[in-house]
Protein backbone atom coordinates (compact mmCIF):
# COMPACT_ATOMS: atom_id res chain seq x y z
CA MET A 1 33.37 71.33 82.09
CA GLU A 2 32.30 69.25 85.09
CA LEU A 3 33.09 65.53 85.23
CA ARG A 4 29.42 64.78 85.90
CA ASP A 5 28.56 66.39 82.52
CA LEU A 6 31.01 64.14 80.71
CA ILE A 7 30.10 60.74 82.12
CA SER A 8 26.92 59.50 83.79
CA GLU A 9 26.77 57.36 86.92
CA ASP A 10 25.37 54.36 85.03
CA GLU A 11 28.48 54.23 82.83
CA TYR A 12 31.08 53.63 85.54
CA ARG A 13 31.80 52.30 88.98
CA CYS A 14 34.11 54.02 91.46
CA ALA A 15 35.53 52.73 94.74
CA MET A 16 35.47 56.21 96.35
CA PRO A 17 32.76 58.86 96.55
CA LEU A 18 33.34 61.55 93.94
CA PRO A 19 33.67 65.17 95.05
CA SER A 20 30.62 67.28 94.26
CA SER A 21 32.68 69.26 91.75
CA VAL A 22 35.45 67.88 89.55
CA PRO A 23 36.34 70.46 86.86
CA VAL A 24 37.79 68.93 83.68
CA CYS A 25 39.69 71.07 81.19
CA ALA A 26 40.63 68.35 78.66
CA VAL A 27 40.13 64.69 77.76
CA VAL A 28 43.44 62.91 77.22
CA ARG A 29 44.72 59.40 76.52
CA ASP A 30 48.40 60.14 75.80
CA THR A 31 50.72 60.65 78.77
CA ALA A 32 52.68 63.21 76.74
CA ALA A 33 49.52 65.34 76.45
CA ILE A 34 48.57 65.43 80.16
CA VAL A 35 47.70 68.86 81.56
CA PRO A 36 46.51 69.68 85.08
CA ASP A 37 42.81 68.96 85.67
CA CYS A 38 42.46 66.71 82.62
CA LEU A 39 40.41 63.53 82.51
CA PHE A 40 42.81 60.76 81.51
CA VAL A 41 41.49 57.66 79.73
CA CYS A 42 43.64 54.53 79.92
CA ILE A 43 43.58 52.41 76.77
CA ARG A 44 45.25 49.08 76.13
CA GLY A 45 46.96 49.32 72.76
CA THR A 46 48.97 46.85 70.73
CA ARG A 47 52.26 48.29 72.03
CA TYR A 48 51.42 50.30 75.15
CA ASP A 49 49.03 50.05 78.08
CA THR A 50 48.69 53.27 80.07
CA HIS A 51 46.94 51.43 82.92
CA ALA A 52 50.46 50.76 84.24
CA ARG A 53 51.26 54.48 84.48
CA LEU A 54 48.70 55.77 86.98
CA PRO A 55 51.31 57.14 89.44
CA GLU A 56 52.83 59.22 86.64
CA ILE A 57 49.38 60.32 85.46
CA ALA A 58 48.37 61.38 88.97
CA ALA A 59 51.64 63.24 89.54
CA ALA A 60 51.09 65.19 86.34
CA GLY A 61 47.84 66.59 87.74
CA ALA A 62 45.00 64.56 86.20
CA ALA A 63 41.67 65.35 87.85
CA ALA A 64 40.38 61.79 87.36
CA VAL A 65 41.22 58.63 85.45
CA VAL A 66 39.07 56.23 83.47
CA VAL A 67 40.21 52.59 83.42
CA GLU A 68 38.85 49.40 81.90
CA ILE A 69 37.29 46.77 84.14
CA GLY A 70 39.58 43.78 84.37
CA SER A 71 42.76 45.77 83.81
CA SER A 72 45.65 45.80 86.24
CA PHE A 73 46.29 49.21 87.78
CA GLU A 74 47.51 50.84 90.97
CA ARG A 75 45.02 52.80 93.04
CA ILE A 76 46.28 56.26 93.95
CA PRO A 77 44.97 57.85 97.21
CA GLY A 78 42.71 60.80 96.45
CA LEU A 79 42.59 60.17 92.69
CA PRO A 80 39.08 59.35 91.40
CA ILE A 81 39.33 56.18 89.29
CA LEU A 82 36.28 55.42 87.15
CA GLU A 83 36.02 51.83 85.94
CA VAL A 84 34.12 51.26 82.67
CA SER A 85 33.46 48.25 80.47
CA ASP A 86 35.32 49.60 77.39
CA THR A 87 37.64 52.61 77.50
CA ARG A 88 37.90 52.98 73.70
CA ARG A 89 34.12 53.33 73.45
CA ILE A 90 33.84 55.74 76.35
CA TYR A 91 36.74 57.81 75.00
CA SER A 92 34.75 58.64 71.85
CA ARG A 93 31.68 59.43 73.90
CA LEU A 94 33.67 61.69 76.19
CA TRP A 95 35.05 63.67 73.25
CA ASP A 96 31.57 63.97 71.72
CA ARG A 97 30.26 65.39 75.00
CA PHE A 98 33.33 67.59 75.54
CA CYS A 99 32.62 69.13 72.11
CA HIS A 100 28.89 69.50 72.93
CA HIS A 101 27.56 66.78 70.56
CA PRO A 102 28.65 68.59 67.36
CA THR A 103 26.95 66.25 64.85
CA ALA A 104 23.57 66.35 66.57
CA HIS A 105 22.15 68.90 64.12
CA MET A 106 24.08 67.92 60.99
CA ARG A 107 23.45 65.23 58.39
CA VAL A 108 26.42 62.85 58.42
CA TRP A 109 27.06 60.82 55.27
CA GLY A 110 29.48 57.91 55.56
CA ILE A 111 31.15 55.96 52.77
CA THR A 112 33.04 52.74 53.36
CA GLY A 113 34.63 49.95 51.35
CA THR A 114 38.15 48.89 50.41
CA ASN A 115 38.46 51.04 47.29
CA GLY A 116 36.53 54.01 45.95
CA LYS A 117 35.77 55.73 49.26
CA THR A 118 37.72 58.89 48.49
CA SER A 119 36.32 59.40 44.99
CA THR A 120 32.74 58.72 46.08
CA ALA A 121 33.01 61.07 49.07
CA TYR A 122 34.55 63.77 46.91
CA MET A 123 31.78 63.45 44.32
CA LEU A 124 28.98 63.36 46.88
CA SER A 125 30.30 66.42 48.70
CA TRP A 126 30.55 68.27 45.37
CA ILE A 127 26.94 67.42 44.54
CA LEU A 128 25.70 68.54 47.96
CA ARG A 129 27.71 71.77 47.97
CA ASP A 130 25.37 73.25 45.38
CA LYS A 131 22.72 73.83 48.05
CA ARG A 132 24.34 73.08 51.41
CA LYS A 133 27.32 74.01 53.53
CA VAL A 134 29.36 70.82 53.46
CA ALA A 135 32.33 69.52 55.41
CA LEU A 136 34.42 66.82 53.75
CA LEU A 137 36.63 64.46 55.73
CA GLY A 138 38.72 61.76 54.13
CA THR A 139 42.02 60.51 52.86
CA VAL A 140 42.64 63.39 50.44
CA GLU A 141 41.68 66.37 52.57
CA ALA A 142 39.59 67.80 55.36
CA ARG A 143 37.50 70.76 54.29
CA ILE A 144 34.86 72.95 55.90
CA GLY A 145 33.00 74.73 53.15
CA ASP A 146 35.68 76.29 50.95
CA ARG A 147 38.32 76.19 53.68
CA ILE A 148 40.95 73.50 54.10
CA TYR A 149 40.82 72.45 57.73
CA THR A 150 43.95 72.03 59.85
CA PRO A 151 43.73 71.14 63.56
CA ALA A 152 44.33 74.42 65.36
CA SER A 153 45.52 73.14 68.71
CA ALA A 154 47.25 69.90 67.71
CA ASP A 155 51.01 69.60 67.84
CA ARG A 156 52.97 68.48 64.80
CA GLU A 157 52.39 64.82 65.61
CA GLY A 158 48.66 65.49 65.94
CA ARG A 159 48.57 67.25 62.57
CA ASN A 160 50.45 64.37 60.99
CA ARG A 161 47.99 61.85 62.40
CA PHE A 162 45.09 63.93 61.17
CA THR A 163 46.41 63.98 57.61
CA THR A 164 47.51 60.34 57.47
CA MET A 165 44.44 58.61 58.90
CA THR A 166 41.30 58.00 56.86
CA THR A 167 39.16 58.53 59.97
CA PRO A 168 41.08 60.53 62.62
CA ASP A 169 41.23 59.64 66.30
CA PRO A 170 38.52 61.13 68.58
CA GLU A 171 40.73 63.92 69.96
CA LEU A 172 41.09 65.17 66.38
CA LEU A 173 37.77 64.03 64.91
CA TYR A 174 35.29 65.67 67.27
CA PRO A 175 37.00 69.10 67.26
CA PHE A 176 36.71 68.90 63.45
CA PHE A 177 32.98 68.26 63.78
CA ALA A 178 32.75 71.10 66.32
CA SER A 179 34.48 73.53 63.96
CA GLY A 180 31.99 72.58 61.26
CA ALA A 181 29.03 73.09 63.59
CA LYS A 182 30.37 76.49 64.64
CA GLU A 183 30.68 77.54 60.99
CA GLY A 184 27.15 76.49 60.07
CA VAL A 185 27.86 73.19 58.33
CA THR A 186 24.67 71.33 57.45
CA ASP A 187 26.20 68.15 56.03
CA VAL A 188 29.36 66.18 56.72
CA VAL A 189 30.58 63.73 54.08
CA MET A 190 33.23 61.39 55.39
CA GLU A 191 35.16 58.27 54.56
CA VAL A 192 34.75 55.65 57.25
CA SER A 193 37.56 53.17 57.86
CA SER A 194 37.21 49.68 59.28
CA HIS A 195 39.75 50.57 61.98
CA ALA A 196 37.58 53.49 63.12
CA LEU A 197 34.50 51.29 63.31
CA ALA A 198 36.26 48.44 65.10
CA GLN A 199 37.79 50.87 67.62
CA TYR A 200 34.50 52.73 68.27
CA LYS A 201 35.82 56.11 67.10
CA LEU A 202 32.37 56.89 65.69
CA ASP A 203 30.30 55.32 68.46
CA PRO A 204 28.32 58.52 69.27
CA VAL A 205 27.65 59.44 65.63
CA ARG A 206 24.38 58.56 63.94
CA PHE A 207 24.58 58.60 60.16
CA PHE A 208 21.99 60.03 57.81
CA CYS A 209 23.10 57.81 54.92
CA ALA A 210 25.81 55.17 54.46
CA GLY A 211 27.32 54.08 51.14
CA PHE A 212 29.21 50.88 50.26
CA THR A 213 31.75 50.50 47.45
CA GLY A 214 32.76 46.86 47.98
CA LEU A 215 35.27 44.76 49.87
CA SER A 216 38.50 43.04 48.88
CA PRO A 217 41.44 41.77 50.98
CA GLU A 218 43.09 44.63 52.88
CA HIS A 219 44.10 45.39 56.48
CA LEU A 220 44.23 41.69 57.31
CA ASP A 221 47.21 42.44 59.54
CA PHE A 222 44.64 44.12 61.80
CA HIS A 223 41.41 42.22 61.16
CA LYS A 224 43.00 38.78 60.59
CA THR A 225 40.15 37.44 58.41
CA MET A 226 37.81 38.76 55.73
CA GLU A 227 34.89 37.88 58.02
CA GLU A 228 36.26 40.17 60.74
CA TYR A 229 36.95 42.87 58.14
CA ALA A 230 33.38 42.67 56.82
CA HIS A 231 31.96 42.64 60.34
CA ALA A 232 33.78 45.90 61.14
CA LYS A 233 32.53 47.57 57.95
CA ALA A 234 28.97 46.40 58.65
CA ILE A 235 28.86 48.46 61.86
CA LEU A 236 28.39 51.59 59.75
CA PHE A 237 25.16 50.28 58.23
CA SER A 238 23.78 49.37 61.63
CA LYS A 239 24.26 53.05 62.62
CA SER A 240 22.67 54.69 59.59
CA GLN A 241 19.13 55.84 58.88
CA GLN A 242 19.45 54.51 55.33
CA SER A 243 22.01 52.81 53.14
CA VAL A 244 23.01 52.72 49.47
CA LEU A 245 25.01 49.79 48.10
CA LEU A 246 26.73 48.98 44.84
CA SER A 247 24.73 45.79 44.43
CA ASP A 248 27.33 43.82 42.49
CA ALA A 249 30.14 44.69 44.91
CA PRO A 250 31.58 41.86 47.02
CA TYR A 251 29.91 41.67 50.45
CA ALA A 252 27.00 43.94 49.47
CA SER A 253 24.50 41.38 50.80
CA TYR A 254 26.43 41.19 54.08
CA MET A 255 26.07 44.95 54.53
CA GLU A 256 22.40 44.82 53.61
CA MET A 257 21.73 42.27 56.35
CA ALA A 258 23.41 44.56 58.89
CA ALA A 259 21.50 47.69 57.82
CA ALA A 260 19.16 49.22 60.37
CA GLY A 261 17.14 51.30 57.90
CA PRO A 262 15.95 51.20 54.27
CA VAL A 263 18.48 49.90 51.74
CA PHE A 264 18.77 51.18 48.16
CA ARG A 265 20.79 49.23 45.64
CA THR A 266 22.38 50.58 42.51
CA GLY A 267 23.88 48.30 39.87
CA PRO A 268 23.03 45.97 36.99
CA GLY A 269 19.31 45.15 36.92
CA GLU A 270 18.49 47.37 39.92
CA GLU A 271 16.09 50.29 40.17
CA SER A 272 19.05 52.49 39.30
CA GLU A 273 21.98 51.43 37.13
CA ILE A 274 24.59 52.80 34.75
CA THR A 275 24.93 51.85 31.09
CA ASP A 276 26.74 52.96 27.93
CA ILE A 277 30.02 53.82 29.63
CA ARG A 278 32.41 55.63 27.27
CA ASN A 279 35.98 56.68 28.02
CA ARG A 280 36.94 60.09 26.67
CA ALA A 281 40.23 61.95 26.54
CA ASP A 282 39.08 64.18 29.38
CA GLY A 283 37.11 61.68 31.45
CA VAL A 284 34.24 59.24 31.13
CA SER A 285 30.56 59.54 30.22
CA PHE A 286 27.68 57.20 31.05
CA SER A 287 23.91 56.93 31.27
CA PHE A 288 22.35 56.84 34.72
CA ARG A 289 18.96 55.14 34.65
CA TYR A 290 16.55 55.55 37.53
CA ARG A 291 13.33 53.66 36.92
CA ARG A 292 12.39 54.87 33.42
CA GLN A 293 14.32 58.11 33.49
CA ILE A 294 17.75 58.26 31.82
CA THR A 295 20.26 61.00 32.60
CA ARG A 296 23.48 61.40 30.67
CA VAL A 297 26.47 62.13 32.89
CA ASP A 298 29.76 63.63 31.66
CA LEU A 299 32.37 63.07 34.35
CA PRO A 300 35.77 64.83 34.06
CA VAL A 301 37.49 61.86 35.73
CA ALA A 302 38.80 58.86 33.76
CA GLY A 303 37.82 55.22 34.15
CA ALA A 304 34.76 53.00 34.22
CA PHE A 305 35.28 52.53 37.96
CA SER A 306 34.86 56.31 38.32
CA ALA A 307 31.44 55.95 36.71
CA ARG A 308 30.53 53.32 39.34
CA ASN A 309 31.65 55.61 42.14
CA ALA A 310 29.67 58.48 40.62
CA SER A 311 26.53 56.34 40.42
CA LEU A 312 26.83 55.57 44.14
CA ALA A 313 27.29 59.26 44.96
CA MET A 314 24.28 60.18 42.82
CA ARG A 315 22.05 57.53 44.39
CA MET A 316 23.09 58.62 47.88
CA ALA A 317 22.28 62.25 47.06
CA MET A 318 18.85 61.14 45.82
CA THR A 319 17.96 59.89 49.32
CA ASP A 320 17.73 63.55 50.33
CA GLY A 321 15.70 64.77 47.37
CA ILE A 322 18.41 65.72 44.87
CA THR A 323 17.38 64.69 41.34
CA PRO A 324 19.63 62.77 38.92
CA ALA A 325 19.65 65.80 36.60
CA GLU A 326 20.81 68.08 39.42
CA ALA A 327 23.52 65.63 40.44
CA ALA A 328 24.70 65.21 36.84
CA ALA A 329 24.93 68.98 36.35
CA ARG A 330 27.17 69.25 39.41
CA LEU A 331 29.38 66.33 38.39
CA ARG A 332 30.13 67.98 35.03
CA THR A 333 32.09 70.63 36.96
CA LEU A 334 33.83 68.24 39.35
CA PRO A 335 37.46 69.24 40.02
CA GLN A 336 40.25 66.71 39.53
CA ILE A 337 40.32 64.38 42.52
CA PRO A 338 43.90 64.49 43.83
CA GLY A 339 45.71 61.20 43.36
CA ARG A 340 42.76 59.35 41.85
CA LEU A 341 43.79 58.54 38.28
CA GLU A 342 45.12 62.09 38.23
CA ARG A 343 46.64 63.02 34.89
CA LEU A 344 49.52 65.45 35.20
CA SER A 345 49.60 68.47 32.93
CA LEU A 346 52.75 68.08 30.82
CA LYS A 347 52.69 70.34 27.79
CA ASN A 348 54.22 69.05 24.56
CA CYS A 349 55.26 65.85 26.32
CA PRO A 350 55.22 62.70 24.11
CA PHE A 351 54.16 60.45 27.00
CA THR A 352 51.48 60.62 29.70
CA VAL A 353 51.86 60.40 33.49
CA TYR A 354 49.11 59.47 35.94
CA ILE A 355 49.17 59.33 39.73
CA ASP A 356 46.85 56.98 41.61
CA TYR A 357 46.45 55.83 45.21
CA ALA A 358 45.89 52.15 44.33
CA HIS A 359 47.63 50.08 46.99
CA THR A 360 45.79 46.76 46.92
CA GLU A 361 45.77 44.03 44.30
CA ARG A 362 42.18 44.71 43.26
CA ALA A 363 42.71 48.47 43.03
CA MET A 364 45.87 47.95 40.98
CA ARG A 365 44.14 45.59 38.57
CA THR A 366 41.24 48.01 38.17
CA VAL A 367 43.46 51.02 37.47
CA LEU A 368 45.92 49.16 35.26
CA SER A 369 43.11 47.59 33.22
CA GLU A 370 41.67 51.04 32.56
CA LEU A 371 45.07 52.43 31.58
CA ARG A 372 45.80 49.37 29.45
CA ASN A 373 42.78 50.29 27.33
CA MET A 374 43.88 53.93 27.20
CA THR A 375 47.47 53.23 26.13
CA PRO A 376 48.01 54.16 22.47
CA ALA A 377 49.05 51.52 19.96
CA GLY A 378 52.81 51.18 20.11
CA GLY A 379 52.98 52.76 23.56
CA ARG A 380 53.91 50.96 26.76
CA LEU A 381 52.12 50.89 30.10
CA ILE A 382 54.73 51.43 32.83
CA ALA A 383 53.98 51.15 36.56
CA VAL A 384 56.09 52.57 39.38
CA PHE A 385 54.98 51.04 42.67
CA GLY A 386 55.90 49.53 46.03
CA CYS A 387 54.07 48.37 49.17
CA GLY A 388 53.70 49.99 52.57
CA GLY A 389 55.76 48.78 55.50
CA ASN A 390 54.23 47.48 58.74
CA ARG A 391 51.06 46.62 56.87
CA ASP A 392 49.44 43.48 55.44
CA ARG A 393 52.28 41.45 53.90
CA THR A 394 50.03 38.97 52.10
CA LYS A 395 49.12 41.51 49.41
CA ARG A 396 52.71 42.18 48.33
CA PRO A 397 53.20 39.27 45.89
CA LEU A 398 49.62 39.73 44.68
CA MET A 399 50.29 43.35 43.77
CA GLY A 400 53.48 42.28 42.03
CA ARG A 401 51.53 39.74 40.01
CA ALA A 402 48.95 42.36 39.03
CA ALA A 403 51.69 44.59 37.62
CA ASN A 404 53.34 41.63 35.91
CA ASP A 405 50.05 40.63 34.28
CA LEU A 406 48.94 44.05 33.04
CA CYS A 407 52.03 46.22 32.46
CA ASP A 408 54.63 46.21 29.73
CA PHE A 409 57.24 47.25 32.27
CA SER A 410 57.35 47.72 36.05
CA ILE A 411 59.67 49.68 38.31
CA VAL A 412 59.48 48.27 41.83
CA THR A 413 60.45 50.77 44.53
CA SER A 414 59.67 52.00 48.05
CA ASP A 415 56.32 53.23 49.35
CA ASN A 416 56.19 54.34 53.00
CA SER A 417 58.44 51.54 54.25
CA ARG A 418 58.01 52.78 57.84
CA GLN A 419 60.04 50.56 60.19
CA GLU A 420 60.64 47.78 57.67
CA ASP A 421 63.61 47.27 55.39
CA PRO A 422 62.46 48.50 51.95
CA GLU A 423 64.58 45.88 50.18
CA MET A 424 62.84 43.11 52.14
CA ILE A 425 59.44 44.51 51.12
CA ILE A 426 60.56 44.60 47.50
CA SER A 427 61.74 40.98 47.66
CA GLU A 428 58.25 39.94 48.76
CA ILE A 429 56.72 41.89 45.87
CA LEU A 430 59.11 40.23 43.42
CA SER A 431 58.04 36.77 44.59
CA GLY A 432 54.79 37.36 42.72
CA MET A 433 56.47 38.56 39.51
CA PRO A 434 57.66 35.57 37.44
CA ASP A 435 58.73 37.66 34.41
CA LYS A 436 61.87 39.36 35.69
CA GLU A 437 62.78 40.62 32.20
CA ARG A 438 60.03 43.26 32.31
CA LEU A 439 60.93 44.93 35.56
CA ARG A 440 63.61 46.95 37.29
CA VAL A 441 64.22 47.45 41.00
CA ILE A 442 65.16 50.97 42.13
CA VAL A 443 64.82 51.22 45.90
CA ARG A 444 64.72 55.03 46.20
CA ARG A 445 61.37 56.22 44.88
CA LYS A 446 62.73 59.57 43.69
CA GLU A 447 65.24 57.76 41.50
CA ALA A 448 62.58 55.33 40.27
CA ILE A 449 60.40 58.23 39.08
CA ALA A 450 63.35 59.92 37.37
CA TYR A 451 64.23 56.64 35.61
CA ALA A 452 60.64 56.16 34.39
CA VAL A 453 60.59 59.65 32.88
CA ARG A 454 64.11 59.39 31.46
CA THR A 455 63.40 56.11 29.64
CA ALA A 456 59.84 56.88 28.49
CA ARG A 457 59.09 56.76 24.79
CA SER A 458 56.48 58.51 22.67
CA GLY A 459 53.02 57.10 23.41
CA ASP A 460 53.99 55.54 26.75
CA VAL A 461 51.69 55.78 29.77
CA ILE A 462 53.44 55.96 33.15
CA VAL A 463 51.42 55.46 36.34
CA LEU A 464 52.80 56.12 39.81
CA LEU A 465 50.84 53.88 42.17
CA GLY A 466 50.38 53.82 45.92
CA LYS A 467 50.90 57.35 47.16
CA GLY A 468 48.22 59.25 45.26
CA HIS A 469 47.39 62.49 47.07
CA GLU A 470 50.16 62.07 49.66
CA ARG A 471 52.84 64.74 49.85
CA TYR A 472 55.09 62.81 52.23
CA GLU A 473 57.19 59.66 52.57
CA ILE A 474 57.44 57.65 55.79
CA ASP A 475 60.54 55.60 56.57
CA ARG A 476 62.23 54.44 59.76
CA ASN A 477 63.47 58.00 60.34
CA GLY A 478 59.96 59.47 60.31
CA MET A 479 57.89 61.52 57.89
CA HIS A 480 59.54 63.58 55.15
CA PRO A 481 58.14 65.89 52.42
CA PHE A 482 57.74 63.97 49.16
CA ASP A 483 55.64 65.32 46.29
CA GLU A 484 55.53 63.05 43.24
CA ARG A 485 54.08 65.81 41.08
CA LYS A 486 57.11 68.03 41.63
CA LEU A 487 59.46 65.12 41.04
CA VAL A 488 57.80 64.31 37.70
CA LEU A 489 57.97 67.95 36.59
CA GLU A 490 61.63 68.17 37.61
CA ALA A 491 62.42 64.95 35.73
CA VAL A 492 60.61 66.15 32.61
CA ALA A 493 62.40 69.51 32.76
CA ALA A 494 65.73 67.70 33.10
CA GLN A 495 64.98 65.95 29.81
CA GLY A 496 64.26 69.27 28.11
CA GLY A 497 60.47 68.89 28.24
CA ALA A 498 57.97 71.72 28.69
CA LEU A 499 56.07 71.98 31.96
């Protein structure tokens, strides 16, 4: 592709006349990924600034370099240097153009909020798949139609980043969109993170419909304040043709003010709302009322919060002509959402084990409250949890307090400690847990799970919190395979239980 097809003259300034032809074979921002004739984009990060490495970039064969106005860099004779106002923003645009604007002819549905994004996206994609070819992109999985998507050309690190980021970086995101377009995808349903919005990863994408699940303290290590966090989330609604909000969710009014198109609200007293929520052994049922029409929904996923997420998915689907009855019929056949109040199949086992991704105070309180109501008389609610390293530290004692308030017993352990000392993380969690008699610290998560199973009694409910769908553990030595489902099954088998 020619440089002139990737960036227009009104987007940059350049101190030297550009050659009439500058072929570009790749768009790169990582010095380890440079190939001859690539277009390199310099970005100032929190730890690295590639503006300082132009001699190395030129020596590696870059065809041209994009830098940010105001940055310090060395001019290299013969190397075209394009100065732009924001390199993060242009980087996304470059990848969109390099992939030939892949979302231009697809409906893109975006769901954002602190909690509930994954479940809502999963449900919406399942509803739409009845009549459309749908791509799903989120925390649990990336899927194009019936196929699980894995980046074809990414190295191991690229694949890891794709599977561990809610919204992948542009060099992974736009090839995903392009694969979907090539395979005839009509609709993309995706979770949208505040990081992605703040860093302009989705700048070229225009959304057909945006959904909002609510906001609670999270990622304040990055955003610093709730106002900044809300401002980042609100960008999605300014980019969408229409929006659907859970009306009683915190910051719903903030998102409504930011919305560029029509806004539809679902919740108590609104045009659409849910009533008569009933927990069942195999899920939850509820009535979805739209104007005067009532549709009964049987959802094979537990929890009243699942009913709320389903109502948002249904109302979003309705913006494109799908009826409540059609949506309800699809939701009856919804597969188990991995790591979202996922009940493990343990035959003839006297206790129950759930896995859930809850990793904020609000999410923990929501999940634990649901399980508290589902715990049989005489049984105990037992939580196994930790907190992620190199992330918002303020939530650690709050999560500890949530477990202390709602559980009969807690096992505090590790959860992706990354570069931090897991014992230091645990000490911060324990500062919010005044009742030390109802907890045990077991630093290694594998041992914590085995202990929970080994000491469980008849009627107990064990919930493993924080990792959910993840099949890995991240510590200071990197990423390692770690599947909680297998560990539970192994622990049950060791106790003589049936699998």
